[in-house]
Amino acid sequence: MRRKTIARYFMCPFLFMAVTVLTNCSKPLPVARPSAFAPQQRDSLQHFINNYYENAGLPGLSVAIVKGDSIFSTAMGHADSSGKAFTPNTTFMAGSLSEPLLALAVLQLADEGKIGLDKPVITYLPYFKMGGDNYQNVTVKHLLTHTSGIQHYSIMWDNPTFAPNAPETTTRSIAAQQPDFKVPGSRVKRSPYNYDILADMICKVTGQPFEKYVQERVLNGIAMRHSSFIKPNNTAQPFVTSNWLSYQTRQDILYPYNRENGGSGGLHTSATDMANWMFTLLNRASVVPGSQLTDKLLASAMTMQFNTGKGSGIGFGWDIEQIDRDQVFVKSSKYGGFCTTTILIPGKKIGVTVASNITDAGMDPLALSRPLAQWLMGKPLVQPKVPVSILMGKTLAATGNMADAFAVYRSAQQQADSKFDVSPAALSQFGINLLHRVHDRQKALEAFKFCVERFPRSAYAHLNLAEGFIFNKDAPNTRKALAMANSLPDDSGLKARYMAYLKENLEILEEKKS
């Protein structure tokens, strides 16, 4: 796909008008005082979020909302195993939400003429290198838009490094790696290393740790008083699910912070600070005087830079979708026990951030952020439905009887206004948990058979059944389930990839039997 460059041309008959426009664009942001939501709106929001939290089984939950010049933030649950309260000021690991904030620092340096977005990275980091010669053509903008071709690497944080040269170590680590595509700027390939290398660039250009620069020049100017790219002492801790039937959780022993990957995932923030950040982006106004951000900078930060498909693209750290007439900026992250989702609709001045200190629970923060965004656009508040797999798992944990789990599913399915998601995917998740997390192959097979009985026209249900047969070493029935799945339309978007995986495992099973 060819790159589309967005440019603005100002044709003005009078020079003084052009000078006025350019001068106004570079002025510091005006100071604005956000207001609170009306009491009735606050009560509705709090009740809605409380209901979600009670059903979701999350350790902690943090929510920030902006609508026009009004902001709202709340939090609940516990931040660690001691029971410390998760409050609106409790910091949490924000994962890849670090990217659009770090991008502001890079754009600020570009605004001051210290970095050229279209200049090669080697201009600022002479040791930047990849396999082949095209790395010399990788520009700063390619890093900002994930169009550099740098391969995706899994971030390692079990052996963290906090050395002064940690960002440089990351930059040098890819010297022998081939890029995923030869021509920089030709397509998108997301890799956290793009922003880790940008963090290294900030260090070299400014002569100070990137964390210090971002703190002083960006975070302080947005009143993100609890936020930092350095791990705070009293931050929320990550949790994991310890029992996939009862959905009990425990605090994880590892924490995902490593300075080598600080640019792509080091941001720690809070609900209060996220409300201030979203307010600044949406209103192009600072909540504190003396901000060094400018209207021109924020306009650039919230602009599509590369089209990835019809109605979709990527900006400086943001994924962008065209929904109806609105551009919707989204950033979601599941990283090291923390999950976050931010949705911004600049045309309507709407922003929502949802975060939790667990990633493997049955609920997804998008399930809360989307209905909140829709409500802000004038639609009714619709409570997210709880995956029925959670109810079935808890029932099985309590009784030990699969029939009881199936009975609660039938009851939930018969209720027209059920608060549970009873879709094929939600029901299949019960069997997937039994197979891959509880490691009970027989009960998993029972669950998959039950799902096929309820949804005989679901290709996804038959594919799960095929996997259950594979784990039970039943090749003939695996083939039958695969054939049935192949005859049905794809209802999951995973059919081709899932089918290939199952066929490969079936061949291995049959080879072992022969």
Protein backbone atom coordinates (compact mmCIF):
# COMPACT_ATOMS: atom_id res chain seq x y z
CA MET A 1 0.00 0.00 0.00
CA ARG A 2 1.40 3.38 -1.03
CA ARG A 3 1.99 5.98 1.58
CA LYS A 4 -0.29 9.01 1.56
CA THR A 5 1.25 12.16 2.95
CA ILE A 6 -1.06 14.68 4.49
CA ALA A 7 0.09 18.24 3.85
CA ARG A 8 -1.44 21.64 4.36
CA TYR A 9 -0.80 24.54 2.01
CA PHE A 10 -1.61 28.03 3.17
CA MET A 11 -2.13 30.40 0.25
CA CYS A 12 -2.60 33.89 1.54
CA PRO A 13 -2.55 37.11 -0.51
CA PHE A 14 -1.16 39.19 2.30
CA LEU A 15 2.15 38.38 3.99
CA PHE A 16 1.03 39.74 7.34
CA MET A 17 -1.87 37.26 7.37
CA ALA A 18 0.52 34.33 6.83
CA VAL A 19 2.79 35.60 9.59
CA THR A 20 -0.21 35.93 11.92
CA VAL A 21 -1.35 32.36 11.23
CA LEU A 22 2.09 30.89 11.83
CA THR A 23 2.62 32.95 14.97
CA ASN A 24 -0.73 31.91 16.45
CA CYS A 25 -0.03 28.24 15.72
CA SER A 26 3.19 28.34 17.74
CA LYS A 27 1.79 30.16 20.76
CA PRO A 28 1.70 28.29 24.09
CA LEU A 29 -1.58 26.66 24.93
CA PRO A 30 -4.24 28.74 26.66
CA VAL A 31 -5.03 27.84 30.26
CA ALA A 32 -8.46 26.28 30.81
CA ARG A 33 -10.20 25.07 33.92
CA PRO A 34 -12.05 21.79 33.43
CA SER A 35 -15.45 21.51 35.06
CA ALA A 36 -17.05 18.51 36.74
CA PHE A 37 -19.89 16.54 35.25
CA ALA A 38 -23.37 17.42 36.54
CA PRO A 39 -24.28 15.50 39.75
CA GLN A 40 -26.87 13.34 37.98
CA GLN A 41 -24.35 12.39 35.28
CA ARG A 42 -21.71 11.60 37.89
CA ASP A 43 -24.12 9.37 39.78
CA SER A 44 -25.11 7.53 36.60
CA LEU A 45 -21.48 7.01 35.63
CA GLN A 46 -20.44 5.82 39.08
CA HIS A 47 -23.35 3.38 39.30
CA PHE A 48 -22.62 2.03 35.82
CA ILE A 49 -18.90 1.55 36.50
CA ASN A 50 -19.58 0.00 39.93
CA ASN A 51 -21.86 -2.60 38.32
CA TYR A 52 -19.20 -3.44 35.76
CA TYR A 53 -16.56 -3.83 38.45
CA GLU A 54 -18.74 -6.10 40.60
CA ASN A 55 -19.41 -8.42 37.63
CA ALA A 56 -15.92 -8.38 36.12
CA GLY A 57 -13.95 -9.89 39.01
CA LEU A 58 -11.04 -7.45 38.57
CA PRO A 59 -8.61 -6.62 41.39
CA GLY A 60 -8.55 -2.91 40.52
CA LEU A 61 -10.28 -0.65 38.00
CA SER A 62 -9.45 2.91 36.93
CA VAL A 63 -11.60 5.13 34.65
CA ALA A 64 -11.12 8.63 33.24
CA ILE A 65 -13.66 10.47 31.05
CA VAL A 66 -13.69 13.78 29.19
CA LYS A 67 -16.65 15.39 27.43
CA GLY A 68 -16.04 18.91 26.14
CA ASP A 69 -14.70 20.90 29.08
CA SER A 70 -15.94 18.41 31.72
CA ILE A 71 -13.83 15.66 33.27
CA PHE A 72 -14.56 12.69 35.51
CA SER A 73 -12.25 10.15 37.11
CA THR A 74 -12.84 7.26 39.47
CA ALA A 75 -11.17 4.06 40.66
CA MET A 76 -12.05 1.11 42.84
CA GLY A 77 -10.76 -2.19 44.11
CA HIS A 78 -7.30 -2.90 45.43
CA ALA A 79 -3.88 -1.98 44.11
CA ASP A 80 -1.91 -4.82 45.69
CA SER A 81 -2.30 -7.95 47.80
CA SER A 82 -2.26 -5.93 51.03
CA GLY A 83 -5.64 -4.49 50.11
CA LYS A 84 -4.37 -0.95 49.47
CA ALA A 85 -7.17 0.99 47.80
CA PHE A 86 -7.03 1.69 44.06
CA THR A 87 -7.82 5.43 43.91
CA PRO A 88 -8.05 7.97 41.06
CA ASN A 89 -4.49 9.02 41.97
CA THR A 90 -3.08 5.48 42.10
CA THR A 91 -0.50 5.02 39.36
CA PHE A 92 -0.53 1.98 37.09
CA MET A 93 1.68 0.70 34.28
CA ALA A 94 0.18 2.14 31.07
CA GLY A 95 2.01 -0.12 28.58
CA SER A 96 1.92 1.07 24.97
CA LEU A 97 -0.06 4.15 25.98
CA SER A 98 3.50 5.38 26.52
CA GLU A 99 3.85 5.83 22.75
CA PRO A 100 1.56 8.80 22.01
CA LEU A 101 2.89 10.60 25.08
CA LEU A 102 6.54 10.01 24.12
CA ALA A 103 5.61 11.17 20.61
CA LEU A 104 4.67 14.56 22.12
CA ALA A 105 8.24 14.91 23.39
CA VAL A 106 9.68 14.07 19.96
CA LEU A 107 7.30 16.47 18.23
CA GLN A 108 8.26 19.17 20.72
CA LEU A 109 11.94 18.73 19.84
CA ALA A 110 10.98 18.89 16.17
CA ASP A 111 8.97 22.06 16.83
CA GLU A 112 12.11 23.60 18.34
CA GLY A 113 14.25 22.56 15.37
CA LYS A 114 16.31 20.06 17.37
CA ILE A 115 15.00 17.02 15.47
CA GLY A 116 13.89 16.76 11.85
CA LEU A 117 11.04 14.28 11.45
CA ASP A 118 12.08 13.46 7.89
CA LYS A 119 15.77 13.13 8.69
CA PRO A 120 17.40 9.69 8.92
CA VAL A 121 17.68 8.19 12.39
CA ILE A 122 21.45 7.82 11.89
CA THR A 123 21.65 11.64 11.93
CA TYR A 124 21.03 11.47 15.67
CA LEU A 125 22.05 7.88 16.46
CA PRO A 126 25.06 7.02 14.24
CA TYR A 127 25.12 3.49 15.65
CA PHE A 128 21.55 2.75 14.54
CA LYS A 129 21.80 -0.21 12.15
CA MET A 130 19.86 -3.15 10.71
CA GLY A 131 20.70 -5.83 8.16
CA GLY A 132 21.07 -4.58 4.59
CA ASP A 133 21.54 -0.94 3.63
CA ASN A 134 18.03 0.50 3.73
CA TYR A 135 18.27 1.22 7.46
CA GLN A 136 20.09 4.38 6.43
CA ASN A 137 16.79 5.61 4.96
CA VAL A 138 14.78 5.03 8.15
CA THR A 139 13.60 8.44 9.37
CA VAL A 140 12.34 9.70 12.71
CA LYS A 141 8.80 9.74 11.30
CA HIS A 142 9.13 6.07 10.32
CA LEU A 143 9.82 5.24 13.97
CA LEU A 144 6.89 7.38 15.13
CA THR A 145 4.49 5.62 12.74
CA HIS A 146 5.82 2.05 13.01
CA THR A 147 6.77 2.11 9.31
CA SER A 148 10.51 1.52 9.85
CA GLY A 149 10.40 -2.21 9.20
CA ILE A 150 11.94 -3.08 12.58
CA GLN A 151 10.86 -6.56 13.57
CA HIS A 152 8.49 -7.10 16.47
CA TYR A 153 10.33 -8.39 19.53
CA SER A 154 8.76 -9.67 22.71
CA ILE A 155 9.72 -7.37 25.55
CA MET A 156 11.72 -9.06 28.30
CA TRP A 157 11.19 -7.66 31.77
CA ASP A 158 12.07 -10.59 34.03
CA ASN A 159 15.72 -9.44 34.11
CA PRO A 160 15.35 -5.64 34.06
CA THR A 161 18.13 -3.20 33.29
CA PHE A 162 18.22 0.36 34.64
CA ALA A 163 21.69 1.38 33.47
CA PRO A 164 22.22 4.91 32.08
CA ASN A 165 22.89 3.46 28.60
CA ALA A 166 19.90 1.07 28.65
CA PRO A 167 18.06 2.77 25.73
CA GLU A 168 21.25 2.67 23.64
CA THR A 169 21.53 -1.05 24.37
CA THR A 170 18.12 -1.55 22.77
CA THR A 171 19.09 0.47 19.69
CA ARG A 172 22.28 -1.52 19.21
CA SER A 173 20.56 -4.87 19.79
CA ILE A 174 18.94 -4.96 16.32
CA ALA A 175 22.14 -4.31 14.34
CA ALA A 176 22.24 -7.83 12.86
CA GLN A 177 18.49 -8.22 12.35
CA GLN A 178 16.91 -7.99 8.92
CA PRO A 179 14.00 -5.54 8.61
CA ASP A 180 10.55 -7.00 7.94
CA PHE A 181 10.35 -5.07 4.68
CA LYS A 182 13.01 -3.36 2.59
CA VAL A 183 11.49 0.04 1.86
CA PRO A 184 10.94 2.17 4.98
CA GLY A 185 7.60 3.92 4.95
CA SER A 186 5.92 1.36 2.66
CA ARG A 187 3.76 -0.31 5.30
CA VAL A 188 3.09 -0.62 9.03
CA LYS A 189 4.79 -3.20 11.23
CA ARG A 190 4.23 -2.51 14.90
CA SER A 191 7.26 -3.03 17.11
CA PRO A 192 7.87 -1.57 20.58
CA TYR A 193 11.50 -1.05 19.59
CA ASN A 194 10.47 1.93 17.43
CA TYR A 195 9.63 3.93 20.55
CA ASP A 196 12.49 2.49 22.61
CA ILE A 197 14.85 3.86 19.96
CA LEU A 198 13.04 7.20 20.04
CA ALA A 199 13.68 7.29 23.80
CA ASP A 200 17.37 6.76 23.07
CA MET A 201 17.22 9.61 20.54
CA ILE A 202 15.72 11.96 23.14
CA CYS A 203 18.59 11.08 25.49
CA LYS A 204 21.23 11.86 22.86
CA VAL A 205 19.62 15.05 21.50
CA THR A 206 18.88 16.60 24.90
CA GLY A 207 21.88 15.25 26.80
CA GLN A 208 19.68 14.02 29.65
CA PRO A 209 17.67 10.89 30.48
CA PHE A 210 14.53 10.80 28.35
CA GLU A 211 12.46 10.26 31.52
CA LYS A 212 13.69 13.60 32.91
CA TYR A 213 13.05 15.47 29.66
CA VAL A 214 9.52 14.09 29.25
CA GLN A 215 8.75 14.85 32.90
CA GLU A 216 9.86 18.47 32.75
CA ARG A 217 8.77 19.42 29.24
CA VAL A 218 5.60 17.37 28.73
CA LEU A 219 4.10 15.76 31.84
CA ASN A 220 4.42 18.84 34.04
CA GLY A 221 2.78 20.96 31.37
CA ILE A 222 -0.29 18.70 31.32
CA ALA A 223 -0.61 18.53 35.12
CA MET A 224 0.14 14.80 35.06
CA ARG A 225 1.45 15.15 38.59
CA HIS A 226 1.37 11.46 39.48
CA SER A 227 2.83 10.26 36.17
CA SER A 228 6.36 9.28 35.23
CA PHE A 229 8.38 7.11 32.88
CA ILE A 230 10.16 5.93 36.04
CA LYS A 231 8.35 3.37 38.21
CA PRO A 232 6.88 5.15 41.29
CA ASN A 233 7.31 3.54 44.69
CA ASN A 234 3.61 3.16 45.47
CA THR A 235 2.27 2.06 42.09
CA ALA A 236 -0.41 -0.59 41.64
CA GLN A 237 0.86 -4.14 41.32
CA PRO A 238 -0.08 -6.63 38.58
CA PHE A 239 -2.35 -9.59 39.29
CA VAL A 240 -2.90 -12.93 37.57
CA THR A 241 -5.78 -15.40 37.68
CA SER A 242 -4.77 -18.25 39.98
CA ASN A 243 -7.88 -20.42 39.47
CA TRP A 244 -9.62 -20.47 36.09
CA LEU A 245 -12.81 -21.97 37.51
CA SER A 246 -13.38 -19.79 40.58
CA TYR A 247 -11.56 -16.83 38.98
CA GLN A 248 -9.57 -16.15 42.12
CA THR A 249 -6.58 -13.85 41.59
CA ARG A 250 -3.21 -13.32 43.22
CA GLN A 251 -0.53 -10.65 42.97
CA ASP A 252 2.14 -11.47 40.39
CA ILE A 253 5.74 -11.83 41.52
CA LEU A 254 7.18 -10.05 38.45
CA TYR A 255 6.77 -6.41 37.56
CA PRO A 256 6.98 -5.24 33.92
CA TYR A 257 9.47 -2.40 34.11
CA ASN A 258 12.75 -2.38 32.22
CA ARG A 259 14.51 0.81 31.15
CA GLU A 260 15.64 -0.83 27.90
CA ASN A 261 11.97 -0.74 26.87
CA GLY A 262 11.02 2.39 28.76
CA GLY A 263 10.05 4.38 25.69
CA SER A 264 7.46 1.89 24.53
CA GLY A 265 6.08 0.80 27.89
CA GLY A 266 7.52 2.75 30.80
CA LEU A 267 4.70 5.25 31.41
CA HIS A 268 3.02 5.07 34.80
CA THR A 269 -0.06 7.22 35.13
CA SER A 270 -3.37 7.54 36.99
CA ALA A 271 -7.04 8.18 36.23
CA THR A 272 -6.71 11.81 37.35
CA ASP A 273 -3.71 12.39 35.09
CA MET A 274 -5.31 10.62 32.14
CA ALA A 275 -8.30 12.96 32.43
CA ASN A 276 -5.93 15.95 32.27
CA TRP A 277 -4.05 14.52 29.29
CA MET A 278 -7.20 13.77 27.32
CA PHE A 279 -8.59 17.21 28.18
CA THR A 280 -5.41 18.82 26.83
CA LEU A 281 -5.46 16.84 23.58
CA LEU A 282 -9.17 17.36 22.94
CA ASN A 283 -9.37 21.05 23.89
CA ARG A 284 -5.82 22.10 22.94
CA ALA A 285 -5.65 23.85 26.24
CA SER A 286 -3.54 23.29 29.32
CA VAL A 287 -4.91 22.86 32.81
CA VAL A 288 -1.78 24.52 34.22
CA PRO A 289 -0.08 27.78 33.21
CA GLY A 290 3.33 27.69 31.57
CA SER A 291 2.84 24.61 29.40
CA GLN A 292 5.55 24.29 26.76
CA LEU A 293 3.20 22.47 24.40
CA THR A 294 1.68 24.42 21.52
CA ASP A 295 -1.50 24.28 19.45
CA LYS A 296 0.57 23.44 16.38
CA LEU A 297 2.22 20.53 18.18
CA LEU A 298 -1.07 19.07 19.42
CA ALA A 299 -2.65 19.44 15.99
CA SER A 300 0.22 17.41 14.53
CA ALA A 301 -0.05 14.81 17.31
CA MET A 302 -3.70 14.18 16.44
CA THR A 303 -3.33 13.76 12.66
CA MET A 304 -3.47 10.67 10.46
CA GLN A 305 0.02 9.95 9.12
CA PHE A 306 -0.32 6.67 7.23
CA ASN A 307 -3.36 4.89 5.77
CA THR A 308 -3.56 1.19 6.63
CA GLY A 309 -6.89 0.47 4.95
CA LYS A 310 -10.19 1.95 3.99
CA GLY A 311 -11.11 4.20 6.88
CA SER A 312 -8.15 3.21 9.07
CA GLY A 313 -4.66 4.45 9.66
CA ILE A 314 -1.94 5.25 12.13
CA GLY A 315 -0.78 8.49 13.67
CA PHE A 316 2.01 9.38 16.06
CA GLY A 317 1.43 6.49 18.47
CA TRP A 318 -2.31 6.22 17.79
CA ASP A 319 -4.38 3.74 15.81
CA ILE A 320 -7.09 5.63 13.92
CA GLU A 321 -10.45 4.47 12.59
CA GLN A 322 -13.05 6.33 10.59
CA ILE A 323 -16.45 5.57 12.16
CA ASP A 324 -19.31 7.32 10.40
CA ARG A 325 -18.02 10.88 10.11
CA ASP A 326 -15.69 10.75 13.09
CA GLN A 327 -12.02 9.95 13.35
CA VAL A 328 -11.57 7.76 16.41
CA PHE A 329 -8.12 7.53 18.00
CA VAL A 330 -7.52 4.32 19.95
CA LYS A 331 -4.66 2.90 21.98
CA SER A 332 -5.00 -0.46 23.72
CA SER A 333 -2.41 -2.39 25.66
CA LYS A 334 -2.15 -5.69 27.52
CA TYR A 335 1.26 -5.76 29.08
CA GLY A 336 2.73 -7.56 32.05
CA GLY A 337 -0.43 -7.81 34.13
CA PHE A 338 -1.87 -4.40 33.20
CA CYS A 339 -4.44 -3.58 30.54
CA THR A 340 -5.42 -0.12 29.29
CA THR A 341 -7.63 1.27 26.56
CA THR A 342 -7.98 4.90 25.53
CA ILE A 343 -10.56 6.14 23.02
CA LEU A 344 -10.49 9.73 21.75
CA ILE A 345 -13.02 11.30 19.37
CA PRO A 346 -11.54 14.76 18.75
CA GLY A 347 -14.45 15.98 16.59
CA LYS A 348 -16.80 15.55 19.55
CA LYS A 349 -14.25 16.26 22.30
CA ILE A 350 -14.86 12.86 23.85
CA GLY A 351 -12.25 10.79 25.66
CA VAL A 352 -12.38 7.58 27.71
CA THR A 353 -9.59 5.63 29.42
CA VAL A 354 -10.15 2.34 31.23
CA ALA A 355 -7.36 0.47 33.02
CA SER A 356 -6.97 -2.53 35.30
CA ASN A 357 -4.11 -4.33 37.00
CA ILE A 358 -4.87 -7.71 35.43
CA THR A 359 -4.80 -8.89 31.80
CA ASP A 360 -5.99 -12.48 31.91
CA ALA A 361 -9.42 -12.04 33.49
CA GLY A 362 -12.58 -12.78 31.53
CA MET A 363 -13.40 -9.11 30.96
CA ASP A 364 -11.80 -6.70 28.49
CA PRO A 365 -11.51 -2.93 29.18
CA LEU A 366 -12.89 -2.27 25.68
CA ALA A 367 -16.14 -3.78 26.96
CA LEU A 368 -16.45 -0.78 29.27
CA SER A 369 -14.80 1.98 27.23
CA ARG A 370 -16.97 1.56 24.14
CA PRO A 371 -20.37 1.91 25.84
CA LEU A 372 -19.04 4.88 27.82
CA ALA A 373 -17.94 6.59 24.60
CA GLN A 374 -21.33 5.86 23.02
CA TRP A 375 -23.12 7.31 26.04
CA LEU A 376 -21.06 10.47 25.75
CA MET A 377 -22.32 10.72 22.16
CA GLY A 378 -25.91 10.69 23.41
CA LYS A 379 -26.77 7.00 23.35
CA PRO A 380 -28.17 5.07 26.36
CA LEU A 381 -25.76 3.45 28.79
CA VAL A 382 -25.65 -0.27 27.98
CA GLN A 383 -24.09 -2.46 30.64
CA PRO A 384 -21.38 -4.78 29.17
CA LYS A 385 -22.34 -8.41 29.40
CA VAL A 386 -20.26 -10.81 31.46
CA PRO A 387 -18.87 -13.78 29.48
CA VAL A 388 -20.96 -16.81 30.44
CA SER A 389 -17.72 -18.80 30.81
CA ILE A 390 -17.13 -16.99 34.12
CA LEU A 391 -20.51 -18.06 35.52
CA MET A 392 -20.03 -21.63 34.29
CA GLY A 393 -16.53 -21.84 35.73
CA LYS A 394 -17.64 -20.64 39.14
CA THR A 395 -20.54 -23.10 39.11
CA LEU A 396 -18.23 -26.01 38.24
CA ALA A 397 -15.79 -24.92 40.96
CA ALA A 398 -18.62 -24.92 43.52
CA THR A 399 -20.33 -28.21 42.57
CA GLY A 400 -17.77 -30.18 40.55
CA ASN A 401 -20.61 -31.15 38.18
CA MET A 402 -20.55 -30.30 34.46
CA ALA A 403 -24.33 -30.74 34.29
CA ASP A 404 -24.72 -27.85 36.72
CA ALA A 405 -22.52 -25.65 34.55
CA PHE A 406 -24.59 -26.51 31.48
CA ALA A 407 -27.80 -25.81 33.42
CA VAL A 408 -26.74 -22.27 34.33
CA TYR A 409 -25.89 -21.66 30.67
CA ARG A 410 -29.35 -22.79 29.53
CA SER A 411 -30.93 -20.55 32.15
CA ALA A 412 -28.85 -17.54 31.06
CA GLN A 413 -29.60 -18.19 27.38
CA GLN A 414 -33.34 -18.28 28.04
CA GLN A 415 -33.35 -14.88 29.77
CA ALA A 416 -34.13 -12.18 27.22
CA ASP A 417 -32.38 -9.52 29.31
CA SER A 418 -29.54 -11.73 30.54
CA LYS A 419 -26.52 -9.88 31.87
CA PHE A 420 -24.34 -12.66 30.45
CA ASP A 421 -22.80 -12.97 27.00
CA VAL A 422 -24.10 -16.35 25.77
CA SER A 423 -22.53 -16.22 22.28
CA PRO A 424 -20.64 -19.18 20.75
CA ALA A 425 -17.33 -17.47 21.57
CA ALA A 426 -18.29 -16.88 25.20
CA LEU A 427 -19.52 -20.45 25.62
CA SER A 428 -16.45 -21.87 23.86
CA GLN A 429 -14.22 -20.01 26.29
CA PHE A 430 -15.44 -22.32 29.07
CA GLY A 431 -14.05 -25.31 27.18
CA ILE A 432 -10.87 -23.45 26.22
CA ASN A 433 -10.21 -22.69 29.90
CA LEU A 434 -10.76 -26.33 30.82
CA LEU A 435 -8.43 -27.51 28.06
CA HIS A 436 -5.54 -25.06 28.25
CA ARG A 437 -5.68 -23.66 31.78
CA VAL A 438 -7.31 -26.31 33.98
CA HIS A 439 -5.83 -29.11 31.82
CA ASP A 440 -8.88 -31.35 32.07
CA ARG A 441 -9.18 -32.83 28.55
CA GLN A 442 -12.30 -34.89 29.21
CA LYS A 443 -14.32 -32.03 30.69
CA ALA A 444 -13.10 -29.73 27.92
CA LEU A 445 -14.39 -32.19 25.32
CA GLU A 446 -17.77 -32.29 27.08
CA ALA A 447 -17.88 -28.49 27.01
CA PHE A 448 -17.05 -28.33 23.29
CA LYS A 449 -19.71 -30.95 22.47
CA PHE A 450 -22.26 -28.94 24.45
CA CYS A 451 -21.30 -25.81 22.50
CA VAL A 452 -21.77 -27.60 19.16
CA GLU A 453 -25.20 -28.81 20.34
CA ARG A 454 -26.22 -25.24 21.11
CA PHE A 455 -24.62 -23.75 17.99
CA PRO A 456 -24.52 -26.41 15.25
CA ARG A 457 -23.97 -23.74 12.55
CA SER A 458 -20.92 -22.16 14.22
CA ALA A 459 -17.63 -22.98 12.48
CA TYR A 460 -15.77 -21.73 15.55
CA ALA A 461 -17.63 -24.21 17.81
CA HIS A 462 -16.69 -27.11 15.52
CA LEU A 463 -13.05 -25.99 15.39
CA ASN A 464 -12.89 -25.97 19.18
CA LEU A 465 -14.42 -29.43 19.20
CA ALA A 466 -11.74 -30.58 16.74
CA GLU A 467 -9.05 -29.30 19.10
CA GLY A 468 -10.70 -31.15 21.97
CA PHE A 469 -10.56 -34.37 19.94
CA ILE A 470 -6.87 -33.79 19.11
CA PHE A 471 -5.98 -33.44 22.79
CA ASN A 472 -7.89 -36.66 23.43
CA LYS A 473 -5.96 -38.36 20.57
CA ASP A 474 -9.10 -39.03 18.54
CA ALA A 475 -8.00 -38.51 14.91
CA PRO A 476 -11.19 -39.78 13.13
CA ASN A 477 -13.52 -37.44 15.05
CA THR A 478 -11.04 -34.60 14.58
CA ARG A 479 -11.37 -35.00 10.82
CA LYS A 480 -15.16 -35.02 11.04
CA ALA A 481 -15.19 -31.83 13.13
CA LEU A 482 -12.78 -30.12 10.73
CA ALA A 483 -14.87 -31.11 7.73
CA MET A 484 -17.98 -29.70 9.36
CA ALA A 485 -16.19 -26.45 10.26
CA ASN A 486 -14.91 -26.17 6.69
CA SER A 487 -18.47 -26.38 5.33
CA LEU A 488 -19.69 -23.45 7.46
CA PRO A 489 -19.09 -19.71 7.06
CA ASP A 490 -16.45 -18.13 9.27
CA ASP A 491 -18.15 -16.64 12.33
CA SER A 492 -14.99 -15.72 14.20
CA GLY A 493 -12.47 -14.27 11.77
CA LEU A 494 -10.06 -16.99 12.89
CA LYS A 495 -11.18 -19.89 10.71
CA ALA A 496 -8.32 -20.08 8.19
CA ARG A 497 -5.54 -19.69 10.77
CA TYR A 498 -7.22 -21.97 13.32
CA MET A 499 -7.89 -24.60 10.65
CA ALA A 500 -4.25 -24.62 9.54
CA TYR A 501 -3.08 -25.02 13.15
CA LEU A 502 -5.45 -27.94 13.76
CA LYS A 503 -4.56 -29.72 10.51
CA GLU A 504 -0.89 -29.51 11.36
CA ASN A 505 -1.52 -31.02 14.79
CA LEU A 506 -3.75 -33.71 13.26
CA GLU A 507 -0.92 -34.75 10.92
CA ILE A 508 1.44 -35.02 13.89
CA LEU A 509 -1.13 -37.12 15.77
CA GLU A 510 -1.62 -39.49 12.83
CA GLU A 511 2.14 -39.84 12.28
CA LYS A 512 2.59 -40.89 15.90
CA LYS A 513 -0.16 -43.49 15.55
CA SER A 514 1.22 -44.97 12.31
